Amino acid sequence: VLDPSGEWLYTTESETGSTHGWIAVRRRDTLRKEAEFP
């Protein structure tokens, strides 16, 4: 999902076998990850 400004992309992510889900915060233009939180 894009944030209301349209600049940041948030993606849902997991690791195989893990019980912890993650949100990655990415730049819209390059798709590179800049931050993350559970």
Full PDB file with SEQRES, HELIX, SHEET, SSBOND, CRYST1, ORIGX, SCALE, CONECT and MASTER records, all heavy atoms in Angstrom:
SEQRES   1 A   38  VAL LEU ASP PRO SER GLY GLU TRP LEU TYR THR THR GLU          
SEQRES   2 A   38  SER GLU THR GLY SER THR HIS GLY TRP ILE ALA VAL ARG          
SEQRES   3 A   38  ARG ARG ASP THR LEU ARG LYS GLU ALA GLU PHE PRO              
SHEET    1 AA1 3 TRP A   8  GLU A  13  0                                        
SHEET    2 AA1 3 TRP A  22  ARG A  27 -1                                        
SHEET    3 AA1 3 LYS A  33  PHE A  37 -1                                        
CRYST1    1.000    1.000    1.000  90.00  90.00  90.00 P 1           1          
ORIGX1      1.000000  0.000000  0.000000        0.00000                         
ORIGX2      0.000000  1.000000  0.000000        0.00000                         
ORIGX3      0.000000  0.000000  1.000000        0.00000                         
SCALE1      1.000000  0.000000  0.000000        0.00000                         
SCALE2      0.000000  1.000000  0.000000        0.00000                         
SCALE3      0.000000  0.000000  1.000000        0.00000                         
ATOM      1  N   VAL A   1       0.847  -1.179   0.000  1.00  0.00           N  
ATOM      2  CA  VAL A   1       0.000   0.000   0.000  1.00  0.00           C  
ATOM      3  C   VAL A   1       0.891   1.240   0.000  1.00  0.00           C  
ATOM      4  O   VAL A   1       1.976   1.233   0.602  1.00  0.00           O  
ATOM      5  CB  VAL A   1      -0.957   0.014   1.218  1.00  0.00           C  
ATOM      6  CG1 VAL A   1      -0.198   0.187   2.531  1.00  0.00           C  
ATOM      7  CG2 VAL A   1      -2.020   1.092   1.083  1.00  0.00           C  
ATOM      8  N   LEU A   2       0.456   2.273  -0.704  1.00  0.00           N  
ATOM      9  CA  LEU A   2       1.150   3.557  -0.680  1.00  0.00           C  
ATOM     10  C   LEU A   2       0.598   4.408   0.444  1.00  0.00           C  
ATOM     11  O   LEU A   2      -0.605   4.383   0.729  1.00  0.00           O  
ATOM     12  CB  LEU A   2       0.959   4.292  -2.005  1.00  0.00           C  
ATOM     13  CG  LEU A   2       1.756   3.745  -3.194  1.00  0.00           C  
ATOM     14  CD1 LEU A   2       1.198   4.291  -4.496  1.00  0.00           C  
ATOM     15  CD2 LEU A   2       3.236   4.088  -3.059  1.00  0.00           C  
ATOM     16  N   ASP A   3       1.459   5.180   1.097  1.00  0.00           N  
ATOM     17  CA  ASP A   3       0.988   6.078   2.145  1.00  0.00           C  
ATOM     18  C   ASP A   3       0.209   7.230   1.505  1.00  0.00           C  
ATOM     19  O   ASP A   3       0.221   7.400   0.284  1.00  0.00           O  
ATOM     20  CB  ASP A   3       2.153   6.572   2.999  1.00  0.00           C  
ATOM     21  CG  ASP A   3       2.972   7.656   2.315  1.00  0.00           C  
ATOM     22  OD1 ASP A   3       2.986   7.718   1.069  1.00  0.00           O  
ATOM     23  OD2 ASP A   3       3.604   8.449   3.025  1.00  0.00           O  
ATOM     24  N   PRO A   4      -0.514   8.021   2.299  1.00  0.00           N  
ATOM     25  CA  PRO A   4      -1.344   9.092   1.720  1.00  0.00           C  
ATOM     26  C   PRO A   4      -0.577  10.093   0.855  1.00  0.00           C  
ATOM     27  O   PRO A   4      -1.150  10.685  -0.056  1.00  0.00           O  
ATOM     28  CB  PRO A   4      -1.939   9.766   2.964  1.00  0.00           C  
ATOM     29  CG  PRO A   4      -2.016   8.667   3.982  1.00  0.00           C  
ATOM     30  CD  PRO A   4      -0.792   7.849   3.740  1.00  0.00           C  
ATOM     31  N   SER A   5       0.720  10.267   1.103  1.00  0.00           N  
ATOM     32  CA  SER A   5       1.511  11.186   0.282  1.00  0.00           C  
ATOM     33  C   SER A   5       1.899  10.583  -1.057  1.00  0.00           C  
ATOM     34  O   SER A   5       2.292  11.298  -1.981  1.00  0.00           O  
ATOM     35  CB  SER A   5       2.787  11.581   1.035  1.00  0.00           C  
ATOM     36  OG  SER A   5       3.721  10.505   1.060  1.00  0.00           O  
ATOM     37  N   GLY A   6       1.803   9.268  -1.175  1.00  0.00           N  
ATOM     38  CA  GLY A   6       2.192   8.583  -2.396  1.00  0.00           C  
ATOM     39  C   GLY A   6       3.685   8.400  -2.552  1.00  0.00           C  
ATOM     40  O   GLY A   6       4.151   7.966  -3.615  1.00  0.00           O  
ATOM     41  N   GLU A   7       4.461   8.682  -1.513  1.00  0.00           N  
ATOM     42  CA  GLU A   7       5.919   8.602  -1.600  1.00  0.00           C  
ATOM     43  C   GLU A   7       6.491   7.308  -1.052  1.00  0.00           C  
ATOM     44  O   GLU A   7       7.572   6.884  -1.446  1.00  0.00           O  
ATOM     45  CB  GLU A   7       6.546   9.781  -0.841  1.00  0.00           C  
ATOM     46  CG  GLU A   7       6.348  11.128  -1.507  1.00  0.00           C  
ATOM     47  CD  GLU A   7       7.086  11.243  -2.832  1.00  0.00           C  
ATOM     48  OE1 GLU A   7       8.033  10.467  -3.075  1.00  0.00           O  
ATOM     49  OE2 GLU A   7       6.695  12.106  -3.639  1.00  0.00           O  
ATOM     50  N   TRP A   8       5.771   6.676  -0.107  1.00  0.00           N  
ATOM     51  CA  TRP A   8       6.306   5.515   0.581  1.00  0.00           C  
ATOM     52  C   TRP A   8       5.403   4.305   0.366  1.00  0.00           C  
ATOM     53  O   TRP A   8       4.186   4.398   0.446  1.00  0.00           O  
ATOM     54  CB  TRP A   8       6.462   5.792   2.076  1.00  0.00           C  
ATOM     55  CG  TRP A   8       7.458   6.881   2.335  1.00  0.00           C  
ATOM     56  CD1 TRP A   8       7.189   8.198   2.556  1.00  0.00           C  
ATOM     57  CD2 TRP A   8       8.878   6.749   2.352  1.00  0.00           C  
ATOM     58  NE1 TRP A   8       8.349   8.904   2.733  1.00  0.00           N  
ATOM     59  CE2 TRP A   8       9.405   8.041   2.615  1.00  0.00           C  
ATOM     60  CE3 TRP A   8       9.754   5.678   2.201  1.00  0.00           C  
ATOM     61  CZ2 TRP A   8      10.773   8.277   2.710  1.00  0.00           C  
ATOM     62  CZ3 TRP A   8      11.120   5.910   2.293  1.00  0.00           C  
ATOM     63  CH2 TRP A   8      11.622   7.192   2.548  1.00  0.00           C  
ATOM     64  N   LEU A   9       6.055   3.185   0.104  1.00  0.00           N  
ATOM     65  CA  LEU A   9       5.358   1.936  -0.155  1.00  0.00           C  
ATOM     66  C   LEU A   9       5.578   0.997   1.032  1.00  0.00           C  
ATOM     67  O   LEU A   9       6.723   0.766   1.446  1.00  0.00           O  
ATOM     68  CB  LEU A   9       5.897   1.287  -1.435  1.00  0.00           C  
ATOM     69  CG  LEU A   9       5.209   0.008  -1.907  1.00  0.00           C  
ATOM     70  CD1 LEU A   9       3.830   0.325  -2.461  1.00  0.00           C  
ATOM     71  CD2 LEU A   9       6.065  -0.695  -2.958  1.00  0.00           C  
ATOM     72  N   TYR A  10       4.498   0.460   1.571  1.00  0.00           N  
ATOM     73  CA  TYR A  10       4.553  -0.464   2.697  1.00  0.00           C  
ATOM     74  C   TYR A  10       4.204  -1.869   2.195  1.00  0.00           C  
ATOM     75  O   TYR A  10       3.167  -2.060   1.564  1.00  0.00           O  
ATOM     76  CB  TYR A  10       3.564  -0.048   3.781  1.00  0.00           C  
ATOM     77  CG  TYR A  10       3.923   1.239   4.499  1.00  0.00           C  
ATOM     78  CD1 TYR A  10       3.870   2.476   3.866  1.00  0.00           C  
ATOM     79  CD2 TYR A  10       4.313   1.218   5.838  1.00  0.00           C  
ATOM     80  CE1 TYR A  10       4.202   3.652   4.524  1.00  0.00           C  
ATOM     81  CE2 TYR A  10       4.635   2.386   6.517  1.00  0.00           C  
ATOM     82  CZ  TYR A  10       4.579   3.602   5.850  1.00  0.00           C  
ATOM     83  OH  TYR A  10       4.903   4.761   6.518  1.00  0.00           O  
ATOM     84  N   THR A  11       5.049  -2.845   2.494  1.00  0.00           N  
ATOM     85  CA  THR A  11       4.819  -4.218   2.042  1.00  0.00           C  
ATOM     86  C   THR A  11       4.773  -5.172   3.237  1.00  0.00           C  
ATOM     87  O   THR A  11       5.478  -4.980   4.231  1.00  0.00           O  
ATOM     88  CB  THR A  11       5.936  -4.680   1.081  1.00  0.00           C  
ATOM     89  OG1 THR A  11       7.216  -4.557   1.719  1.00  0.00           O  
ATOM     90  CG2 THR A  11       5.927  -3.852  -0.198  1.00  0.00           C  
ATOM     91  N   THR A  12       3.935  -6.200   3.146  1.00  0.00           N  
ATOM     92  CA  THR A  12       3.872  -7.239   4.170  1.00  0.00           C  
ATOM     93  C   THR A  12       4.826  -8.364   3.802  1.00  0.00           C  
ATOM     94  O   THR A  12       4.872  -8.802   2.649  1.00  0.00           O  
ATOM     95  CB  THR A  12       2.450  -7.795   4.321  1.00  0.00           C  
ATOM     96  OG1 THR A  12       1.952  -8.204   3.031  1.00  0.00           O  
ATOM     97  CG2 THR A  12       1.515  -6.745   4.901  1.00  0.00           C  
ATOM     98  N   GLU A  13       5.577  -8.863   4.815  1.00  0.00           N  
ATOM     99  CA  GLU A  13       6.615  -9.842   4.547  1.00  0.00           C  
ATOM    100  C   GLU A  13       6.707 -10.877   5.668  1.00  0.00           C  
ATOM    101  O   GLU A  13       6.297 -10.612   6.805  1.00  0.00           O  
ATOM    102  CB  GLU A  13       7.969  -9.135   4.375  1.00  0.00           C  
ATOM    103  CG  GLU A  13       7.949  -8.103   3.254  1.00  0.00           C  
ATOM    104  CD  GLU A  13       9.265  -7.365   3.083  1.00  0.00           C  
ATOM    105  OE1 GLU A  13      10.267  -7.763   3.732  1.00  0.00           O  
ATOM    106  OE2 GLU A  13       9.305  -6.397   2.302  1.00  0.00           O  
ATOM    107  N   SER A  14       7.260 -12.043   5.333  1.00  0.00           N  
ATOM    108  CA  SER A  14       7.441 -13.127   6.297  1.00  0.00           C  
ATOM    109  C   SER A  14       8.726 -13.883   6.000  1.00  0.00           C  
ATOM    110  O   SER A  14       9.310 -13.755   4.918  1.00  0.00           O  
ATOM    111  CB  SER A  14       6.276 -14.118   6.257  1.00  0.00           C  
ATOM    112  OG  SER A  14       5.084 -13.552   6.753  1.00  0.00           O  
ATOM    113  N   GLU A  15       9.157 -14.688   6.972  1.00  0.00           N  
ATOM    114  CA  GLU A  15      10.233 -15.654   6.795  1.00  0.00           C  
ATOM    115  C   GLU A  15       9.640 -17.045   6.958  1.00  0.00           C  
ATOM    116  O   GLU A  15       8.795 -17.270   7.842  1.00  0.00           O  
ATOM    117  CB  GLU A  15      11.331 -15.453   7.833  1.00  0.00           C  
ATOM    118  CG  GLU A  15      12.013 -14.106   7.766  1.00  0.00           C  
ATOM    119  CD  GLU A  15      12.977 -13.912   8.930  1.00  0.00           C  
ATOM    120  OE1 GLU A  15      13.747 -14.857   9.213  1.00  0.00           O  
ATOM    121  OE2 GLU A  15      12.949 -12.843   9.545  1.00  0.00           O  
ATOM    122  N   THR A  16      10.070 -17.992   6.145  1.00  0.00           N  
ATOM    123  CA  THR A  16       9.563 -19.357   6.241  1.00  0.00           C  
ATOM    124  C   THR A  16       9.804 -19.920   7.643  1.00  0.00           C  
ATOM    125  O   THR A  16      10.925 -19.862   8.161  1.00  0.00           O  
ATOM    126  CB  THR A  16      10.253 -20.262   5.204  1.00  0.00           C  
ATOM    127  OG1 THR A  16       9.949 -19.782   3.895  1.00  0.00           O  
ATOM    128  CG2 THR A  16       9.764 -21.694   5.324  1.00  0.00           C  
ATOM    129  N   GLY A  17       8.740 -20.443   8.258  1.00  0.00           N  
ATOM    130  CA  GLY A  17       8.838 -21.043   9.574  1.00  0.00           C  
ATOM    131  C   GLY A  17       8.790 -20.063  10.726  1.00  0.00           C  
ATOM    132  O   GLY A  17       8.737 -20.481  11.887  1.00  0.00           O  
ATOM    133  N   SER A  18       8.803 -18.768  10.438  1.00  0.00           N  
ATOM    134  CA  SER A  18       8.844 -17.770  11.504  1.00  0.00           C  
ATOM    135  C   SER A  18       7.441 -17.442  12.000  1.00  0.00           C  
ATOM    136  O   SER A  18       6.460 -17.530  11.262  1.00  0.00           O  
ATOM    137  CB  SER A  18       9.512 -16.488  10.997  1.00  0.00           C  
ATOM    138  OG  SER A  18       9.413 -15.447  11.962  1.00  0.00           O  
ATOM    139  N   THR A  19       7.354 -17.033  13.260  1.00  0.00           N  
ATOM    140  CA  THR A  19       6.080 -16.579  13.826  1.00  0.00           C  
ATOM    141  C   THR A  19       6.014 -15.055  13.878  1.00  0.00           C  
ATOM    142  O   THR A  19       5.126 -14.497  14.522  1.00  0.00           O  
ATOM    143  CB  THR A  19       5.889 -17.147  15.240  1.00  0.00           C  
ATOM    144  OG1 THR A  19       6.990 -16.745  16.065  1.00  0.00           O  
ATOM    145  CG2 THR A  19       5.813 -18.664  15.211  1.00  0.00           C  
ATOM    146  N   HIS A  20       6.925 -14.379  13.190  1.00  0.00           N  
ATOM    147  CA  HIS A  20       6.958 -12.922  13.206  1.00  0.00           C  
ATOM    148  C   HIS A  20       6.733 -12.376  11.801  1.00  0.00           C  
ATOM    149  O   HIS A  20       7.465 -12.708  10.869  1.00  0.00           O  
ATOM    150  CB  HIS A  20       8.298 -12.408  13.743  1.00  0.00           C  
ATOM    151  CG  HIS A  20       8.597 -12.857  15.138  1.00  0.00           C  
ATOM    152  ND1 HIS A  20       7.935 -12.363  16.237  1.00  0.00           N  
ATOM    153  CD2 HIS A  20       9.476 -13.769  15.612  1.00  0.00           C  
ATOM    154  CE1 HIS A  20       8.397 -12.939  17.330  1.00  0.00           C  
ATOM    155  NE2 HIS A  20       9.324 -13.800  16.977  1.00  0.00           N  
ATOM    156  N   GLY A  21       5.703 -11.534  11.664  1.00  0.00           N  
ATOM    157  CA  GLY A  21       5.462 -10.845  10.412  1.00  0.00           C  
ATOM    158  C   GLY A  21       6.084  -9.463  10.443  1.00  0.00           C  
ATOM    159  O   GLY A  21       6.279  -8.868  11.508  1.00  0.00           O  
ATOM    160  N   TRP A  22       6.358  -8.925   9.242  1.00  0.00           N  
ATOM    161  CA  TRP A  22       7.043  -7.645   9.151  1.00  0.00           C  
ATOM    162  C   TRP A  22       6.387  -6.720   8.131  1.00  0.00           C  
ATOM    163  O   TRP A  22       5.774  -7.180   7.165  1.00  0.00           O  
ATOM    164  CB  TRP A  22       8.504  -7.851   8.745  1.00  0.00           C  
ATOM    165  CG  TRP A  22       9.310  -8.521   9.804  1.00  0.00           C  
ATOM    166  CD1 TRP A  22       9.468  -9.859   9.996  1.00  0.00           C  
ATOM    167  CD2 TRP A  22      10.060  -7.877  10.842  1.00  0.00           C  
ATOM    168  NE1 TRP A  22      10.265 -10.101  11.084  1.00  0.00           N  
ATOM    169  CE2 TRP A  22      10.646  -8.893  11.627  1.00  0.00           C  
ATOM    170  CE3 TRP A  22      10.291  -6.540  11.178  1.00  0.00           C  
ATOM    171  CZ2 TRP A  22      11.449  -8.621  12.725  1.00  0.00           C  
ATOM    172  CZ3 TRP A  22      11.093  -6.266  12.275  1.00  0.00           C  
ATOM    173  CH2 TRP A  22      11.663  -7.292  13.043  1.00  0.00           C  
ATOM    174  N   ILE A  23       6.537  -5.426   8.365  1.00  0.00           N  
ATOM    175  CA  ILE A  23       6.213  -4.393   7.392  1.00  0.00           C  
ATOM    176  C   ILE A  23       7.517  -3.749   6.953  1.00  0.00           C  
ATOM    177  O   ILE A  23       8.317  -3.325   7.797  1.00  0.00           O  
ATOM    178  CB  ILE A  23       5.298  -3.304   7.989  1.00  0.00           C  
ATOM    179  CG1 ILE A  23       3.979  -3.893   8.483  1.00  0.00           C  
ATOM    180  CG2 ILE A  23       5.061  -2.195   6.954  1.00  0.00           C  
ATOM    181  CD1 ILE A  23       3.088  -4.412   7.389  1.00  0.00           C  
ATOM    182  N   ALA A  24       7.765  -3.713   5.665  1.00  0.00           N  
ATOM    183  CA  ALA A  24       8.915  -2.989   5.124  1.00  0.00           C  
ATOM    184  C   ALA A  24       8.423  -1.664   4.554  1.00  0.00           C  
ATOM    185  O   ALA A  24       7.383  -1.609   3.890  1.00  0.00           O  
ATOM    186  CB  ALA A  24       9.605  -3.807   4.043  1.00  0.00           C  
ATOM    187  N   VAL A  25       9.150  -0.605   4.827  1.00  0.00           N  
ATOM    188  CA  VAL A  25       8.836   0.737   4.308  1.00  0.00           C  
ATOM    189  C   VAL A  25       9.822   1.028   3.183  1.00  0.00           C  
ATOM    190  O   VAL A  25      11.037   1.054   3.407  1.00  0.00           O  
ATOM    191  CB  VAL A  25       8.931   1.802   5.412  1.00  0.00           C  
ATOM    192  CG1 VAL A  25       8.461   3.158   4.877  1.00  0.00           C  
ATOM    193  CG2 VAL A  25       8.102   1.396   6.634  1.00  0.00           C  
ATOM    194  N   ARG A  26       9.310   1.255   1.993  1.00  0.00           N  
ATOM    195  CA  ARG A  26      10.145   1.371   0.804  1.00  0.00           C  
ATOM    196  C   ARG A  26       9.907   2.686   0.053  1.00  0.00           C  
ATOM    197  O   ARG A  26       8.814   3.252   0.111  1.00  0.00           O  
ATOM    198  CB  ARG A  26       9.834   0.200  -0.159  1.00  0.00           C  
ATOM    199  CG  ARG A  26      10.037  -1.159   0.457  1.00  0.00           C  
ATOM    200  CD  ARG A  26       9.587  -2.284  -0.467  1.00  0.00           C  
ATOM    201  NE  ARG A  26       9.880  -3.579   0.129  1.00  0.00           N  
ATOM    202  CZ  ARG A  26      11.054  -4.188   0.064  1.00  0.00           C  
ATOM    203  NH1 ARG A  26      12.036  -3.622  -0.628  1.00  0.00           N  
ATOM    204  NH2 ARG A  26      11.244  -5.353   0.650  1.00  0.00           N  
ATOM    205  N   ARG A  27      10.911   3.130  -0.650  1.00  0.00           N  
ATOM    206  CA  ARG A  27      10.752   4.287  -1.527  1.00  0.00           C  
ATOM    207  C   ARG A  27       9.886   3.900  -2.720  1.00  0.00           C  
ATOM    208  O   ARG A  27      10.087   2.841  -3.320  1.00  0.00           O  
ATOM    209  CB  ARG A  27      12.108   4.794  -2.012  1.00  0.00           C  
ATOM    210  CG  ARG A  27      12.947   5.410  -0.916  1.00  0.00           C  
ATOM    211  CD  ARG A  27      14.175   6.097  -1.501  1.00  0.00           C  
ATOM    212  NE  ARG A  27      14.950   6.754  -0.463  1.00  0.00           N  
ATOM    213  CZ  ARG A  27      14.698   7.978   0.006  1.00  0.00           C  
ATOM    214  NH1 ARG A  27      13.679   8.663  -0.489  1.00  0.00           N  
ATOM    215  NH2 ARG A  27      15.441   8.503   0.947  1.00  0.00           N  
ATOM    216  N   ARG A  28       8.959   4.737  -3.060  1.00  0.00           N  
ATOM    217  CA  ARG A  28       8.079   4.443  -4.183  1.00  0.00           C  
ATOM    218  C   ARG A  28       8.845   4.346  -5.498  1.00  0.00           C  
ATOM    219  O   ARG A  28       8.571   3.465  -6.322  1.00  0.00           O  
ATOM    220  CB  ARG A  28       7.021   5.530  -4.294  1.00  0.00           C  
ATOM    221  CG  ARG A  28       6.310   5.564  -5.637  1.00  0.00           C  
ATOM    222  CD  ARG A  28       5.722   6.928  -5.935  1.00  0.00           C  
ATOM    223  NE  ARG A  28       5.485   7.090  -7.355  1.00  0.00           N  
ATOM    224  CZ  ARG A  28       6.317   7.705  -8.185  1.00  0.00           C  
ATOM    225  NH1 ARG A  28       7.452   8.199  -7.739  1.00  0.00           N  
ATOM    226  NH2 ARG A  28       6.020   7.810  -9.472  1.00  0.00           N  
ATOM    227  N   ASP A  29       9.822   5.227  -5.707  1.00  0.00           N  
ATOM    228  CA  ASP A  29      10.476   5.294  -7.013  1.00  0.00           C  
ATOM    229  C   ASP A  29      11.441   4.136  -7.248  1.00  0.00           C  
ATOM    230  O   ASP A  29      11.435   3.505  -8.306  1.00  0.00           O  
ATOM    231  CB  ASP A  29      11.182   6.639  -7.195  1.00  0.00           C  
ATOM    232  CG  ASP A  29      12.118   6.984  -6.044  1.00  0.00           C  
ATOM    233  OD1 ASP A  29      12.150   6.233  -5.056  1.00  0.00           O  
ATOM    234  OD2 ASP A  29      12.825   8.009  -6.136  1.00  0.00           O  
ATOM    235  N   THR A  30      12.245   3.803  -6.245  1.00  0.00           N  
ATOM    236  CA  THR A  30      13.251   2.753  -6.416  1.00  0.00           C  
ATOM    237  C   THR A  30      12.830   1.408  -5.842  1.00  0.00           C  
ATOM    238  O   THR A  30      13.449   0.386  -6.149  1.00  0.00           O  
ATOM    239  CB  THR A  30      14.565   3.158  -5.726  1.00  0.00           C  
ATOM    240  OG1 THR A  30      14.334   3.243  -4.303  1.00  0.00           O  
ATOM    241  CG2 THR A  30      15.063   4.509  -6.243  1.00  0.00           C  
ATOM    242  N   LEU A  31      11.822   1.398  -4.959  1.00  0.00           N  
ATOM    243  CA  LEU A  31      11.344   0.206  -4.258  1.00  0.00           C  
ATOM    244  C   LEU A  31      12.349  -0.305  -3.212  1.00  0.00           C  
ATOM    245  O   LEU A  31      12.157  -1.382  -2.643  1.00  0.00           O  
ATOM    246  CB  LEU A  31      11.003  -0.927  -5.245  1.00  0.00           C  
ATOM    247  CG  LEU A  31      10.038  -0.557  -6.372  1.00  0.00           C  
ATOM    248  CD1 LEU A  31       9.823  -1.760  -7.289  1.00  0.00           C  
ATOM    249  CD2 LEU A  31       8.710  -0.061  -5.830  1.00  0.00           C  
ATOM    250  N   ARG A  32      13.366   0.477  -2.927  1.00  0.00           N  
ATOM    251  CA  ARG A  32      14.369   0.086  -1.934  1.00  0.00           C  
ATOM    252  C   ARG A  32      13.823   0.252  -0.518  1.00  0.00           C  
ATOM    253  O   ARG A  32      13.162   1.232  -0.205  1.00  0.00           O  
ATOM    254  CB  ARG A  32      15.634   0.924  -2.097  1.00  0.00           C  
ATOM    255  CG  ARG A  32      16.288   0.790  -3.462  1.00  0.00           C  
ATOM    256  CD  ARG A  32      16.995  -0.544  -3.615  1.00  0.00           C  
ATOM    257  NE  ARG A  32      17.597  -0.679  -4.938  1.00  0.00           N  
ATOM    258  CZ  ARG A  32      18.800  -0.216  -5.258  1.00  0.00           C  
ATOM    259  NH1 ARG A  32      19.509   0.434  -4.336  1.00  0.00           N  
ATOM    260  NH2 ARG A  32      19.286  -0.392  -6.469  1.00  0.00           N  
ATOM    261  N   LYS A  33      14.174  -0.702   0.342  1.00  0.00           N  
ATOM    262  CA  LYS A  33      13.716  -0.666   1.729  1.00  0.00           C  
ATOM    263  C   LYS A  33      14.527   0.335   2.527  1.00  0.00           C  
ATOM    264  O   LYS A  33      15.761   0.336   2.480  1.00  0.00           O  
ATOM    265  CB  LYS A  33      13.807  -2.063   2.345  1.00  0.00           C  
ATOM    266  CG  LYS A  33      13.303  -2.142   3.773  1.00  0.00           C  
ATOM    267  CD  LYS A  33      13.182  -3.555   4.278  1.00  0.00           C  
ATOM    268  CE  LYS A  33      14.523  -4.231   4.398  1.00  0.00           C  
ATOM    269  NZ  LYS A  33      14.420  -5.563   5.033  1.00  0.00           N  
ATOM    270  N   GLU A  34      13.817   1.171   3.319  1.00  0.00           N  
ATOM    271  CA  GLU A  34      14.458   2.167   4.159  1.00  0.00           C  
ATOM    272  C   GLU A  34      14.213   1.927   5.643  1.00  0.00           C  
ATOM    273  O   GLU A  34      14.956   2.421   6.484  1.00  0.00           O  
ATOM    274  CB  GLU A  34      13.955   3.577   3.787  1.00  0.00           C  
ATOM    275  CG  GLU A  34      14.272   3.992   2.367  1.00  0.00           C  
ATOM    276  CD  GLU A  34      15.757   4.229   2.146  1.00  0.00           C  
ATOM    277  OE1 GLU A  34      16.457   4.508   3.132  1.00  0.00           O  
ATOM    278  OE2 GLU A  34      16.210   4.129   0.991  1.00  0.00           O  
ATOM    279  N   ALA A  35      13.142   1.211   5.987  1.00  0.00           N  
ATOM    280  CA  ALA A  35      12.819   0.952   7.391  1.00  0.00           C  
ATOM    281  C   ALA A  35      11.946  -0.291   7.469  1.00  0.00           C  
ATOM    282  O   ALA A  35      11.472  -0.808   6.438  1.00  0.00           O  
ATOM    283  CB  ALA A  35      12.100   2.152   8.006  1.00  0.00           C  
ATOM    284  N   GLU A  36      11.738  -0.783   8.684  1.00  0.00           N  
ATOM    285  CA  GLU A  36      10.876  -1.945   8.882  1.00  0.00           C  
ATOM    286  C   GLU A  36      10.412  -1.983  10.328  1.00  0.00           C  
ATOM    287  O   GLU A  36      11.029  -1.389  11.219  1.00  0.00           O  
ATOM    288  CB  GLU A  36      11.608  -3.238   8.546  1.00  0.00           C  
ATOM    289  CG  GLU A  36      12.831  -3.495   9.409  1.00  0.00           C  
ATOM    290  CD  GLU A  36      13.577  -4.742   9.007  1.00  0.00           C  
ATOM    291  OE1 GLU A  36      13.458  -5.205   7.860  1.00  0.00           O  
ATOM    292  OE2 GLU A  36      14.311  -5.266   9.863  1.00  0.00           O  
ATOM    293  N   PHE A  37       9.292  -2.673  10.568  1.00  0.00           N  
ATOM    294  CA  PHE A  37       8.806  -2.900  11.929  1.00  0.00           C  
ATOM    295  C   PHE A  37       7.892  -4.121  11.926  1.00  0.00           C  
ATOM    296  O   PHE A  37       7.336  -4.501  10.888  1.00  0.00           O  
ATOM    297  CB  PHE A  37       8.098  -1.669  12.505  1.00  0.00           C  
ATOM    298  CG  PHE A  37       7.071  -1.033  11.607  1.00  0.00           C  
ATOM    299  CD1 PHE A  37       5.785  -1.551  11.502  1.00  0.00           C  
ATOM    300  CD2 PHE A  37       7.389   0.114  10.878  1.00  0.00           C  
ATOM    301  CE1 PHE A  37       4.844  -0.955  10.695  1.00  0.00           C  
ATOM    302  CE2 PHE A  37       6.447   0.716  10.059  1.00  0.00           C  
ATOM    303  CZ  PHE A  37       5.170   0.190   9.967  1.00  0.00           C  
ATOM    304  N   PRO A  38       7.734  -4.783  13.089  1.00  0.00           N  
ATOM    305  CA  PRO A  38       6.928  -6.009  13.167  1.00  0.00           C  
ATOM    306  C   PRO A  38       5.432  -5.712  13.151  1.00  0.00           C  
ATOM    307  O   PRO A  38       4.995  -4.623  13.536  1.00  0.00           O  
ATOM    308  CB  PRO A  38       7.349  -6.620  14.504  1.00  0.00           C  
ATOM    309  CG  PRO A  38       7.784  -5.456  15.328  1.00  0.00           C  
ATOM    310  CD  PRO A  38       8.413  -4.477  14.366  1.00  0.00           C  
TER     311      PRO A  38                                                      
MASTER        0    0    0    0    3    0    0    6  310    1    0    3          
END                                                                             
